[in-house]
Amino acid sequence: MTSVRAARFAAAYALLRSAADVADHWVQSDHQATTKGQSGAAGRRACAAHVASYTAVQAGVLLGGARLLGLRLRPAPVAAALALSATTHYVADRREPLRRLADATGKGRFVRLADHGMNGAYALDQAWHHAFETAAALIASI
């Protein structure tokens, strides 16, 4: 039973991670990318629209991939996994919460780094997403 769960986790993670990259970099509109971190209603709407399409892509890839691979994912854990991914994605993409977290954990200079070929905010954003996609894959594989 343990190896079956491990295989489900590995497949769910690979599916969620690849879907996230496609949704973040290909599906997200330029308007969403440039507006989602702004304060006010326009920023919240743009972020919500991005997260809706992001979650739809993750759901489609996870469910389609699970079907093709013959994985037996249960609906409730999948819904919980997608909700975790969506919620944490929204928080990070609003920008200010991640900046505050970086400041509180001593990463304030890094989150603002945009030099020497680096973008600290993007690197921390992606690390945040990867961590919660891992947690979502663990939940989906239950």
N, C-alpha and C. Protein backbone atom coordinates (compact mmCIF):
# COMPACT_ATOMS: atom_id res chain seq x y z
N MET A 1 0.81 -1.20 0.00
CA MET A 1 0.00 0.00 0.00
C MET A 1 0.86 1.26 0.00
N THR A 2 1.98 1.27 0.71
CA THR A 2 2.83 2.44 0.79
C THR A 2 3.41 2.81 -0.57
N SER A 3 3.84 1.84 -1.36
CA SER A 3 4.40 2.15 -2.67
C SER A 3 3.34 2.69 -3.62
N VAL A 4 2.10 2.25 -3.46
CA VAL A 4 1.02 2.78 -4.28
C VAL A 4 0.79 4.25 -3.95
N ARG A 5 0.76 4.58 -2.67
CA ARG A 5 0.57 5.97 -2.27
C ARG A 5 1.75 6.83 -2.73
N ALA A 6 2.95 6.30 -2.64
CA ALA A 6 4.14 7.04 -3.10
C ALA A 6 4.05 7.31 -4.60
N ALA A 7 3.60 6.34 -5.36
CA ALA A 7 3.45 6.53 -6.80
C ALA A 7 2.37 7.58 -7.10
N ARG A 8 1.27 7.52 -6.35
CA ARG A 8 0.21 8.53 -6.53
C ARG A 8 0.74 9.92 -6.21
N PHE A 9 1.51 10.03 -5.12
CA PHE A 9 2.09 11.32 -4.75
C PHE A 9 3.01 11.82 -5.85
N ALA A 10 3.92 10.98 -6.32
CA ALA A 10 4.88 11.39 -7.34
C ALA A 10 4.17 11.84 -8.61
N ALA A 11 3.17 11.09 -9.02
CA ALA A 11 2.42 11.46 -10.22
C ALA A 11 1.65 12.75 -9.99
N ALA A 12 0.98 12.87 -8.85
CA ALA A 12 0.21 14.08 -8.56
C ALA A 12 1.13 15.30 -8.52
N TYR A 13 2.30 15.16 -7.92
CA TYR A 13 3.22 16.29 -7.86
C TYR A 13 3.68 16.69 -9.27
N ALA A 14 4.07 15.72 -10.06
CA ALA A 14 4.54 16.03 -11.42
C ALA A 14 3.43 16.71 -12.22
N LEU A 15 2.22 16.22 -12.10
CA LEU A 15 1.10 16.80 -12.83
C LEU A 15 0.79 18.22 -12.34
N LEU A 16 0.73 18.42 -11.03
CA LEU A 16 0.46 19.75 -10.48
C LEU A 16 1.56 20.74 -10.83
N ARG A 17 2.81 20.30 -10.74
CA ARG A 17 3.95 21.20 -11.00
C ARG A 17 3.99 21.63 -12.46
N SER A 18 3.81 20.68 -13.37
CA SER A 18 3.85 21.05 -14.79
C SER A 18 2.67 21.94 -15.15
N ALA A 19 1.51 21.63 -14.58
CA ALA A 19 0.33 22.47 -14.84
C ALA A 19 0.54 23.88 -14.30
N ALA A 20 1.20 23.99 -13.16
CA ALA A 20 1.45 25.30 -12.57
C ALA A 20 2.34 26.16 -13.47
N ASP A 21 3.38 25.56 -14.03
CA ASP A 21 4.24 26.33 -14.92
C ASP A 21 3.49 26.80 -16.17
N VAL A 22 2.70 25.92 -16.74
CA VAL A 22 1.91 26.31 -17.92
C VAL A 22 0.93 27.42 -17.55
N ALA A 23 0.22 27.25 -16.45
CA ALA A 23 -0.78 28.24 -16.05
C ALA A 23 -0.15 29.58 -15.69
N ASP A 24 0.99 29.55 -15.01
CA ASP A 24 1.64 30.79 -14.60
C ASP A 24 2.30 31.53 -15.75
N HIS A 25 2.87 30.80 -16.70
CA HIS A 25 3.67 31.45 -17.73
C HIS A 25 3.03 31.50 -19.11
N TRP A 26 2.07 30.65 -19.41
CA TRP A 26 1.44 30.65 -20.72
C TRP A 26 -0.03 31.07 -20.66
N VAL A 27 -0.76 30.64 -19.66
CA VAL A 27 -2.19 30.92 -19.60
C VAL A 27 -2.47 32.31 -19.00
N GLN A 28 -1.71 32.69 -18.02
CA GLN A 28 -1.92 33.98 -17.37
C GLN A 28 -1.78 35.12 -18.38
N SER A 29 -2.73 36.03 -18.38
CA SER A 29 -2.68 37.16 -19.31
C SER A 29 -1.67 38.19 -18.83
N ASP A 30 -1.23 39.02 -19.75
CA ASP A 30 -0.31 40.10 -19.40
C ASP A 30 -0.97 41.04 -18.39
N HIS A 31 -2.25 41.33 -18.59
CA HIS A 31 -2.98 42.19 -17.66
C HIS A 31 -2.98 41.59 -16.25
N GLN A 32 -3.25 40.30 -16.14
CA GLN A 32 -3.24 39.66 -14.83
C GLN A 32 -1.85 39.75 -14.20
N ALA A 33 -0.82 39.46 -14.98
CA ALA A 33 0.54 39.47 -14.46
C ALA A 33 0.97 40.84 -13.97
N THR A 34 0.55 41.89 -14.66
CA THR A 34 0.98 43.23 -14.28
C THR A 34 0.07 43.89 -13.25
N THR A 35 -1.12 43.38 -13.06
CA THR A 35 -2.10 44.02 -12.18
C THR A 35 -2.33 43.28 -10.87
N LYS A 36 -2.11 41.98 -10.82
CA LYS A 36 -2.50 41.15 -9.67
C LYS A 36 -1.87 41.54 -8.35
N GLY A 37 -0.76 42.22 -8.36
CA GLY A 37 -0.10 42.63 -7.13
C GLY A 37 -0.45 44.03 -6.68
N GLN A 38 -1.25 44.74 -7.48
CA GLN A 38 -1.62 46.11 -7.12
C GLN A 38 -2.62 46.12 -5.97
N SER A 39 -2.56 47.18 -5.17
CA SER A 39 -3.54 47.30 -4.09
C SER A 39 -4.88 47.69 -4.70
N GLY A 40 -5.93 47.40 -3.98
CA GLY A 40 -7.26 47.78 -4.45
C GLY A 40 -7.99 46.68 -5.19
N ALA A 41 -9.20 47.04 -5.61
CA ALA A 41 -10.10 46.06 -6.24
C ALA A 41 -9.55 45.52 -7.56
N ALA A 42 -8.91 46.37 -8.34
CA ALA A 42 -8.39 45.91 -9.64
C ALA A 42 -7.34 44.82 -9.44
N GLY A 43 -6.47 44.99 -8.47
CA GLY A 43 -5.45 43.97 -8.18
C GLY A 43 -6.08 42.68 -7.68
N ARG A 44 -7.05 42.80 -6.80
CA ARG A 44 -7.73 41.60 -6.27
C ARG A 44 -8.46 40.86 -7.39
N ARG A 45 -9.14 41.60 -8.27
CA ARG A 45 -9.86 40.95 -9.39
C ARG A 45 -8.89 40.25 -10.35
N ALA A 46 -7.81 40.93 -10.69
CA ALA A 46 -6.83 40.34 -11.61
C ALA A 46 -6.22 39.08 -11.00
N CYS A 47 -5.91 39.13 -9.72
CA CYS A 47 -5.33 37.97 -9.05
C CYS A 47 -6.34 36.83 -8.98
N ALA A 48 -7.58 37.15 -8.65
CA ALA A 48 -8.62 36.11 -8.58
C ALA A 48 -8.84 35.47 -9.95
N ALA A 49 -8.83 36.26 -11.01
CA ALA A 49 -9.00 35.71 -12.36
C ALA A 49 -7.82 34.81 -12.72
N HIS A 50 -6.61 35.24 -12.38
CA HIS A 50 -5.43 34.41 -12.64
C HIS A 50 -5.53 33.10 -11.86
N VAL A 51 -5.87 33.18 -10.58
CA VAL A 51 -5.93 31.97 -9.76
C VAL A 51 -7.04 31.05 -10.25
N ALA A 52 -8.13 31.59 -10.76
CA ALA A 52 -9.20 30.74 -11.30
C ALA A 52 -8.71 29.95 -12.51
N SER A 53 -8.02 30.61 -13.42
CA SER A 53 -7.51 29.89 -14.60
C SER A 53 -6.39 28.94 -14.20
N TYR A 54 -5.55 29.36 -13.28
CA TYR A 54 -4.46 28.52 -12.77
C TYR A 54 -5.02 27.23 -12.17
N THR A 55 -6.04 27.37 -11.35
CA THR A 55 -6.65 26.21 -10.69
C THR A 55 -7.36 25.32 -11.70
N ALA A 56 -7.99 25.92 -12.68
CA ALA A 56 -8.66 25.13 -13.72
C ALA A 56 -7.64 24.30 -14.50
N VAL A 57 -6.50 24.89 -14.82
CA VAL A 57 -5.45 24.15 -15.53
C VAL A 57 -4.93 23.02 -14.64
N GLN A 58 -4.66 23.32 -13.37
CA GLN A 58 -4.17 22.27 -12.47
C GLN A 58 -5.21 21.14 -12.34
N ALA A 59 -6.47 21.49 -12.20
CA ALA A 59 -7.51 20.47 -12.06
C ALA A 59 -7.59 19.61 -13.31
N GLY A 60 -7.57 20.24 -14.48
CA GLY A 60 -7.66 19.48 -15.73
C GLY A 60 -6.48 18.55 -15.93
N VAL A 61 -5.28 19.05 -15.65
CA VAL A 61 -4.09 18.22 -15.82
C VAL A 61 -4.05 17.10 -14.79
N LEU A 62 -4.38 17.42 -13.52
CA LEU A 62 -4.36 16.40 -12.48
C LEU A 62 -5.40 15.31 -12.76
N LEU A 63 -6.60 15.71 -13.07
CA LEU A 63 -7.66 14.71 -13.31
C LEU A 63 -7.43 13.94 -14.61
N GLY A 64 -7.03 14.64 -15.66
CA GLY A 64 -6.74 13.96 -16.93
C GLY A 64 -5.56 13.02 -16.82
N GLY A 65 -4.49 13.51 -16.18
CA GLY A 65 -3.31 12.66 -15.99
C GLY A 65 -3.60 11.46 -15.11
N ALA A 66 -4.38 11.68 -14.06
CA ALA A 66 -4.73 10.56 -13.17
C ALA A 66 -5.54 9.52 -13.94
N ARG A 67 -6.42 9.98 -14.78
CA ARG A 67 -7.22 9.03 -15.57
C ARG A 67 -6.33 8.23 -16.54
N LEU A 68 -5.45 8.93 -17.23
CA LEU A 68 -4.54 8.26 -18.18
C LEU A 68 -3.60 7.28 -17.47
N LEU A 69 -3.17 7.63 -16.27
CA LEU A 69 -2.24 6.78 -15.53
C LEU A 69 -2.93 5.70 -14.70
N GLY A 70 -4.25 5.76 -14.65
CA GLY A 70 -4.99 4.78 -13.86
C GLY A 70 -4.86 5.01 -12.36
N LEU A 71 -4.58 6.25 -11.97
CA LEU A 71 -4.50 6.56 -10.54
C LEU A 71 -5.90 6.62 -9.96
N ARG A 72 -6.02 6.19 -8.77
CA ARG A 72 -7.31 6.24 -8.09
C ARG A 72 -7.28 7.37 -7.06
N LEU A 73 -7.51 8.58 -7.56
CA LEU A 73 -7.55 9.73 -6.66
C LEU A 73 -8.99 9.94 -6.21
N ARG A 74 -9.14 10.23 -4.93
CA ARG A 74 -10.47 10.43 -4.38
C ARG A 74 -10.87 11.90 -4.51
N PRO A 75 -12.14 12.16 -4.78
CA PRO A 75 -12.59 13.54 -5.03
C PRO A 75 -12.32 14.51 -3.87
N ALA A 76 -12.60 14.13 -2.64
CA ALA A 76 -12.44 15.06 -1.51
C ALA A 76 -10.98 15.49 -1.33
N PRO A 77 -10.00 14.57 -1.31
CA PRO A 77 -8.61 15.02 -1.20
C PRO A 77 -8.16 15.85 -2.41
N VAL A 78 -8.64 15.52 -3.60
CA VAL A 78 -8.29 16.32 -4.77
C VAL A 78 -8.83 17.74 -4.63
N ALA A 79 -10.09 17.86 -4.19
CA ALA A 79 -10.67 19.19 -3.98
C ALA A 79 -9.90 19.96 -2.92
N ALA A 80 -9.52 19.30 -1.84
CA ALA A 80 -8.74 19.95 -0.78
C ALA A 80 -7.37 20.38 -1.31
N ALA A 81 -6.75 19.54 -2.10
CA ALA A 81 -5.44 19.86 -2.67
C ALA A 81 -5.52 21.08 -3.58
N LEU A 82 -6.53 21.11 -4.44
CA LEU A 82 -6.68 22.25 -5.34
C LEU A 82 -7.03 23.52 -4.57
N ALA A 83 -7.82 23.40 -3.51
CA ALA A 83 -8.14 24.57 -2.69
C ALA A 83 -6.89 25.12 -2.01
N LEU A 84 -6.03 24.23 -1.49
CA LEU A 84 -4.78 24.67 -0.88
C LEU A 84 -3.90 25.37 -1.91
N SER A 85 -3.76 24.77 -3.07
CA SER A 85 -2.94 25.36 -4.11
C SER A 85 -3.48 26.73 -4.52
N ALA A 86 -4.78 26.84 -4.71
CA ALA A 86 -5.40 28.10 -5.14
C ALA A 86 -5.24 29.19 -4.08
N THR A 87 -5.53 28.84 -2.84
CA THR A 87 -5.49 29.83 -1.76
C THR A 87 -4.08 30.36 -1.56
N THR A 88 -3.12 29.46 -1.50
CA THR A 88 -1.73 29.90 -1.27
C THR A 88 -1.17 30.62 -2.49
N HIS A 89 -1.64 30.26 -3.67
CA HIS A 89 -1.21 30.96 -4.88
C HIS A 89 -1.70 32.40 -4.85
N TYR A 90 -2.96 32.59 -4.48
CA TYR A 90 -3.52 33.93 -4.39
C TYR A 90 -2.72 34.78 -3.39
N VAL A 91 -2.44 34.23 -2.22
CA VAL A 91 -1.71 34.97 -1.19
C VAL A 91 -0.35 35.42 -1.73
N ALA A 92 0.39 34.53 -2.34
CA ALA A 92 1.72 34.87 -2.85
C ALA A 92 1.64 35.89 -3.98
N ASP A 93 0.68 35.71 -4.87
CA ASP A 93 0.61 36.57 -6.05
C ASP A 93 0.06 37.96 -5.76
N ARG A 94 -0.47 38.18 -4.58
CA ARG A 94 -0.86 39.54 -4.19
C ARG A 94 0.38 40.36 -3.83
N ARG A 95 1.52 39.74 -3.77
CA ARG A 95 2.85 40.32 -3.61
C ARG A 95 3.16 40.80 -2.19
N GLU A 96 2.34 41.66 -1.63
CA GLU A 96 2.65 42.25 -0.33
C GLU A 96 2.75 41.22 0.79
N PRO A 97 1.87 40.20 0.85
CA PRO A 97 2.03 39.20 1.92
C PRO A 97 3.39 38.48 1.86
N LEU A 98 3.86 38.17 0.66
CA LEU A 98 5.15 37.50 0.51
C LEU A 98 6.29 38.45 0.90
N ARG A 99 6.15 39.73 0.54
CA ARG A 99 7.16 40.71 0.94
C ARG A 99 7.23 40.83 2.46
N ARG A 100 6.07 40.86 3.11
CA ARG A 100 6.05 40.96 4.57
C ARG A 100 6.67 39.72 5.20
N LEU A 101 6.36 38.55 4.65
CA LEU A 101 6.95 37.31 5.17
C LEU A 101 8.46 37.33 4.98
N ALA A 102 8.92 37.80 3.81
CA ALA A 102 10.36 37.88 3.57
C ALA A 102 11.01 38.84 4.56
N ASP A 103 10.39 39.97 4.80
CA ASP A 103 10.93 40.92 5.77
C ASP A 103 11.01 40.30 7.16
N ALA A 104 9.97 39.58 7.54
CA ALA A 104 9.90 38.99 8.88
C ALA A 104 10.90 37.86 9.08
N THR A 105 11.34 37.25 7.99
CA THR A 105 12.25 36.10 8.11
C THR A 105 13.68 36.44 7.68
N GLY A 106 13.97 37.73 7.55
CA GLY A 106 15.32 38.14 7.20
C GLY A 106 15.65 38.05 5.72
N LYS A 107 14.65 37.91 4.88
CA LYS A 107 14.86 37.82 3.43
C LYS A 107 14.42 39.10 2.70
N GLY A 108 14.31 40.20 3.45
CA GLY A 108 13.84 41.46 2.87
C GLY A 108 14.70 41.96 1.72
N ARG A 109 16.02 41.90 1.88
CA ARG A 109 16.90 42.34 0.80
C ARG A 109 16.79 41.41 -0.41
N PHE A 110 16.67 40.11 -0.13
CA PHE A 110 16.61 39.16 -1.24
C PHE A 110 15.31 39.32 -2.04
N VAL A 111 14.18 39.52 -1.37
CA VAL A 111 12.91 39.64 -2.08
C VAL A 111 12.91 40.87 -2.99
N ARG A 112 13.73 41.87 -2.67
CA ARG A 112 13.80 43.09 -3.47
C ARG A 112 14.94 43.06 -4.50
N LEU A 113 15.73 42.00 -4.49
CA LEU A 113 16.86 41.88 -5.41
C LEU A 113 16.38 41.77 -6.85
N ALA A 114 16.89 42.62 -7.68
CA ALA A 114 16.59 42.58 -9.11
C ALA A 114 17.85 43.01 -9.87
N ASP A 115 18.91 42.30 -9.64
CA ASP A 115 20.20 42.66 -10.21
C ASP A 115 21.02 41.39 -10.41
N HIS A 116 22.06 41.47 -11.18
CA HIS A 116 22.98 40.36 -11.41
C HIS A 116 22.25 39.14 -12.00
N GLY A 117 21.22 39.38 -12.80
CA GLY A 117 20.47 38.28 -13.41
C GLY A 117 19.52 37.59 -12.46
N MET A 118 19.31 38.16 -11.28
CA MET A 118 18.44 37.55 -10.28
C MET A 118 17.18 38.38 -10.08
N ASN A 119 16.13 37.70 -9.69
CA ASN A 119 14.91 38.36 -9.25
C ASN A 119 14.48 37.64 -7.98
N GLY A 120 14.79 38.22 -6.86
CA GLY A 120 14.52 37.59 -5.58
C GLY A 120 13.04 37.34 -5.34
N ALA A 121 12.19 38.30 -5.72
CA ALA A 121 10.75 38.14 -5.51
C ALA A 121 10.24 36.94 -6.29
N TYR A 122 10.68 36.79 -7.53
CA TYR A 122 10.24 35.65 -8.35
C TYR A 122 10.76 34.33 -7.75
N ALA A 123 12.01 34.32 -7.31
CA ALA A 123 12.57 33.09 -6.74
C ALA A 123 11.81 32.67 -5.48
N LEU A 124 11.52 33.63 -4.59
CA LEU A 124 10.77 33.30 -3.38
C LEU A 124 9.33 32.91 -3.71
N ASP A 125 8.73 33.57 -4.69
CA ASP A 125 7.38 33.23 -5.14
C ASP A 125 7.32 31.78 -5.62
N GLN A 126 8.28 31.40 -6.44
CA GLN A 126 8.29 30.04 -6.97
C GLN A 126 8.57 29.01 -5.88
N ALA A 127 9.46 29.32 -4.96
CA ALA A 127 9.72 28.40 -3.85
C ALA A 127 8.46 28.20 -3.01
N TRP A 128 7.72 29.26 -2.76
CA TRP A 128 6.45 29.20 -2.03
C TRP A 128 5.49 28.28 -2.77
N HIS A 129 5.33 28.50 -4.08
CA HIS A 129 4.41 27.68 -4.87
C HIS A 129 4.83 26.21 -4.86
N HIS A 130 6.10 25.95 -5.02
CA HIS A 130 6.57 24.56 -5.04
C HIS A 130 6.29 23.86 -3.71
N ALA A 131 6.50 24.57 -2.62
CA ALA A 131 6.25 23.97 -1.30
C ALA A 131 4.78 23.61 -1.15
N PHE A 132 3.89 24.50 -1.54
CA PHE A 132 2.47 24.21 -1.37
C PHE A 132 1.94 23.24 -2.41
N GLU A 133 2.55 23.18 -3.58
CA GLU A 133 2.18 22.14 -4.55
C GLU A 133 2.60 20.76 -4.04
N THR A 134 3.71 20.70 -3.33
CA THR A 134 4.12 19.44 -2.72
C THR A 134 3.09 19.02 -1.68
N ALA A 135 2.67 19.96 -0.84
CA ALA A 135 1.64 19.67 0.17
C ALA A 135 0.34 19.26 -0.51
N ALA A 136 -0.02 19.95 -1.60
CA ALA A 136 -1.25 19.60 -2.32
C ALA A 136 -1.15 18.20 -2.91
N ALA A 137 0.00 17.83 -3.44
CA ALA A 137 0.17 16.48 -3.99
C ALA A 137 0.05 15.43 -2.89
N LEU A 138 0.60 15.74 -1.72
CA LEU A 138 0.46 14.81 -0.60
C LEU A 138 -1.01 14.63 -0.24
N ILE A 139 -1.75 15.73 -0.21
CA ILE A 139 -3.18 15.64 0.11
C ILE A 139 -3.92 14.87 -0.98
N ALA A 140 -3.66 15.18 -2.24
CA ALA A 140 -4.36 14.51 -3.34
C ALA A 140 -4.10 13.01 -3.36
N SER A 141 -2.94 12.60 -2.88
CA SER A 141 -2.58 11.17 -2.96
C SER A 141 -3.11 10.35 -1.80
N ILE A 142 -3.80 10.97 -0.88
CA ILE A 142 -4.35 10.24 0.29
C ILE A 142 -5.42 9.26 -0.17
